[in-house]
Every structure is written in C-alpha cells, then in structure tokens.
C-alpha atoms as a PDB file:
ATOM      1  CA  MET A   1      79.942  70.745 108.818  1.00  0.00           C
ATOM      2  CA  LYS A   2      78.654  69.802 112.292  1.00  0.00           C
ATOM      3  CA  ARG A   3      76.106  72.352 112.105  1.00  0.00           C
ATOM      4  CA  LEU A   4      74.616  70.861 108.803  1.00  0.00           C
ATOM      5  CA  THR A   5      74.757  67.476 110.340  1.00  0.00           C
ATOM      6  CA  LEU A   6      72.921  68.927 113.271  1.00  0.00           C
ATOM      7  CA  ALA A   7      70.346  70.324 111.110  1.00  0.00           C
ATOM      8  CA  ALA A   8      69.682  67.338 109.004  1.00  0.00           C
ATOM      9  CA  LEU A   9      69.424  65.175 112.187  1.00  0.00           C
ATOM     10  CA  LEU A  10      66.666  67.477 113.822  1.00  0.00           C
ATOM     11  CA  THR A  11      64.945  67.557 110.481  1.00  0.00           C
ATOM     12  CA  ALA A  12      64.868  63.855 110.395  1.00  0.00           C
ATOM     13  CA  LEU A  13      63.606  63.350 113.788  1.00  0.00           C
ATOM     14  CA  ALA A  14      60.833  66.061 113.247  1.00  0.00           C
ATOM     15  CA  LEU A  15      59.524  64.211 110.146  1.00  0.00           C
ATOM     16  CA  PRO A  16      57.649  61.352 111.938  1.00  0.00           C
ATOM     17  CA  VAL A  17      55.633  64.017 114.144  1.00  0.00           C
ATOM     18  CA  ALA A  18      54.796  66.130 111.174  1.00  0.00           C
ATOM     19  CA  ALA A  19      53.683  63.145 109.066  1.00  0.00           C
ATOM     20  CA  SER A  20      51.219  61.807 111.671  1.00  0.00           C
ATOM     21  CA  GLN A  21      49.302  65.043 111.300  1.00  0.00           C
ATOM     22  CA  THR A  22      48.931  65.337 107.648  1.00  0.00           C
ATOM     23  CA  PRO A  23      45.512  66.219 106.223  1.00  0.00           C
ATOM     24  CA  MET A  24      45.680  62.667 104.443  1.00  0.00           C
ATOM     25  CA  ARG A  25      45.826  60.820 107.830  1.00  0.00           C
ATOM     26  CA  GLU A  26      43.085  62.818 108.894  1.00  0.00           C
ATOM     27  CA  HIS A  27      40.750  62.007 106.116  1.00  0.00           C
ATOM     28  CA  LEU A  28      41.542  58.262 106.371  1.00  0.00           C
ATOM     29  CA  LYS A  29      40.615  58.620 110.281  1.00  0.00           C
ATOM     30  CA  GLN A  30      36.966  59.892 108.647  1.00  0.00           C
ATOM     31  CA  GLU A  31      36.710  57.557 105.875  1.00  0.00           C
ATOM     32  CA  LEU A  32      38.159  54.228 107.099  1.00  0.00           C
ATOM     33  CA  PRO A  33      35.147  53.761 109.578  1.00  0.00           C
ATOM     34  CA  THR A  34      32.649  54.002 106.604  1.00  0.00           C
ATOM     35  CA  TRP A  35      34.577  51.163 104.920  1.00  0.00           C
ATOM     36  CA  GLY A  36      34.535  48.879 108.108  1.00  0.00           C
ATOM     37  CA  TYR A  37      37.866  49.623 109.431  1.00  0.00           C
ATOM     38  CA  SER A  38      36.971  51.695 112.464  1.00  0.00           C
ATOM     39  CA  ASP A  39      39.517  50.007 114.830  1.00  0.00           C
ATOM     40  CA  VAL A  40      42.686  51.036 112.556  1.00  0.00           C
ATOM     41  CA  ASP A  41      45.349  53.366 114.314  1.00  0.00           C
ATOM     42  CA  VAL A  42      45.956  55.610 111.230  1.00  0.00           C
ATOM     43  CA  ASP A  43      48.917  57.130 113.258  1.00  0.00           C
ATOM     44  CA  GLY A  44      50.558  53.915 113.298  1.00  0.00           C
ATOM     45  CA  LEU A  45      50.449  53.302 109.449  1.00  0.00           C
ATOM     46  CA  THR A  46      53.340  53.805 107.295  1.00  0.00           C
ATOM     47  CA  ARG A  47      53.495  56.761 104.780  1.00  0.00           C
ATOM     48  CA  ALA A  48      53.301  54.052 101.940  1.00  0.00           C
ATOM     49  CA  GLN A  49      50.193  52.393 103.454  1.00  0.00           C
ATOM     50  CA  VAL A  50      48.444  55.960 103.768  1.00  0.00           C
ATOM     51  CA  VAL A  51      49.174  57.042 100.409  1.00  0.00           C
ATOM     52  CA  HIS A  52      47.988  53.666  99.079  1.00  0.00           C
ATOM     53  CA  ILE A  53      44.737  53.623 100.829  1.00  0.00           C
ATOM     54  CA  ASN A  54      43.931  57.225  99.868  1.00  0.00           C
ATOM     55  CA  HIS A  55      44.606  56.356  96.265  1.00  0.00           C
ATOM     56  CA  LEU A  56      42.394  53.499  96.445  1.00  0.00           C
ATOM     57  CA  LEU A  57      39.392  55.583  98.118  1.00  0.00           C
ATOM     58  CA  HIS A  58      39.791  57.877  95.037  1.00  0.00           C
ATOM     59  CA  SER A  59      40.131  55.362  92.564  1.00  0.00           C
ATOM     60  CA  ASN A  60      37.455  53.943  90.182  1.00  0.00           C
ATOM     61  CA  LYS A  61      37.157  50.471  91.603  1.00  0.00           C
ATOM     62  CA  SER A  62      34.069  48.800  92.975  1.00  0.00           C
ATOM     63  CA  PRO A  63      33.331  49.435  96.615  1.00  0.00           C
ATOM     64  CA  ALA A  64      33.954  45.695  97.241  1.00  0.00           C
ATOM     65  CA  GLN A  65      37.281  45.990  95.580  1.00  0.00           C
ATOM     66  CA  ILE A  66      38.146  49.065  97.566  1.00  0.00           C
ATOM     67  CA  ARG A  67      37.112  47.416 100.735  1.00  0.00           C
ATOM     68  CA  GLY A  68      39.270  44.256 100.025  1.00  0.00           C
ATOM     69  CA  ASN A  69      42.495  46.216  98.901  1.00  0.00           C
ATOM     70  CA  ILE A  70      42.137  48.196 101.982  1.00  0.00           C
ATOM     71  CA  GLY A  71      42.263  44.914 103.858  1.00  0.00           C
ATOM     72  CA  ALA A  72      45.151  43.778 102.071  1.00  0.00           C
ATOM     73  CA  ILE A  73      47.154  46.941 102.799  1.00  0.00           C
ATOM     74  CA  LEU A  74      46.195  46.596 106.384  1.00  0.00           C
ATOM     75  CA  GLY A  75      47.229  42.924 106.565  1.00  0.00           C
ATOM     76  CA  ASP A  76      43.802  41.346 106.933  1.00  0.00           C
ATOM     77  CA  SER A  77      43.602  37.610 106.326  1.00  0.00           C
ATOM     78  CA  LEU A  78      40.808  36.134 104.292  1.00  0.00           C
ATOM     79  CA  LEU A  79      39.320  34.027 107.146  1.00  0.00           C
ATOM     80  CA  LYS A  80      39.287  37.542 109.481  1.00  0.00           C
ATOM     81  CA  THR A  81      37.510  39.156 106.709  1.00  0.00           C
ATOM     82  CA  LEU A  82      34.886  36.254 105.962  1.00  0.00           C
ATOM     83  CA  PHE A  83      34.150  35.512 109.412  1.00  0.00           C
ATOM     84  CA  GLY A  84      34.215  38.909 110.940  1.00  0.00           C
ATOM     85  CA  ARG A  85      36.613  41.353 112.768  1.00  0.00           C
ATOM     86  CA  ARG A  86      37.566  41.380 116.106  1.00  0.00           C
END
C-alpha cells in the first residue's frame, strides 16, 4: 500500500512539469503574439486556460471575438484593452 501511495504521489508531482511542455502550450507561445498578447507567460497559465484559448483559436468566431475572448480568459479589463497594454 505504501508503494502505491508513493507511486501516486510521484506521478502527481511530475504532472505539472510535463504539462508545461505540451505541444498545446508551445502552439500558444507562437500564436498569442499574433493576437496581440506577446507578454503572456504561457507556462504560468492553468491547464483550463490553455485548453480554452486553444479552442478559441480554432473556432469559427471573428478575429475580434477571438481576441476579446482571449483577453477575458487572461483577465484583461476593458479599460486596459481600450487604452493599450503595458
């Protein structure tokens, strides 16, 4: 039982490292600058954020909708979007 618990713990500890190096994250690192989000730390995003943004990039929404929805996922405020990024 202790071996099973140890194996599960080691697997859980290895997941965040493996998740930060997925092809989806690498794809976002290339795509986000083209949408105006070059200052985003993709490795710092949650798995849900990565999946949601990737889904948006491959959706049938207009470019303005995609850009706005990415901003909403990343937590951009309307004022920051209207008056420029940092």
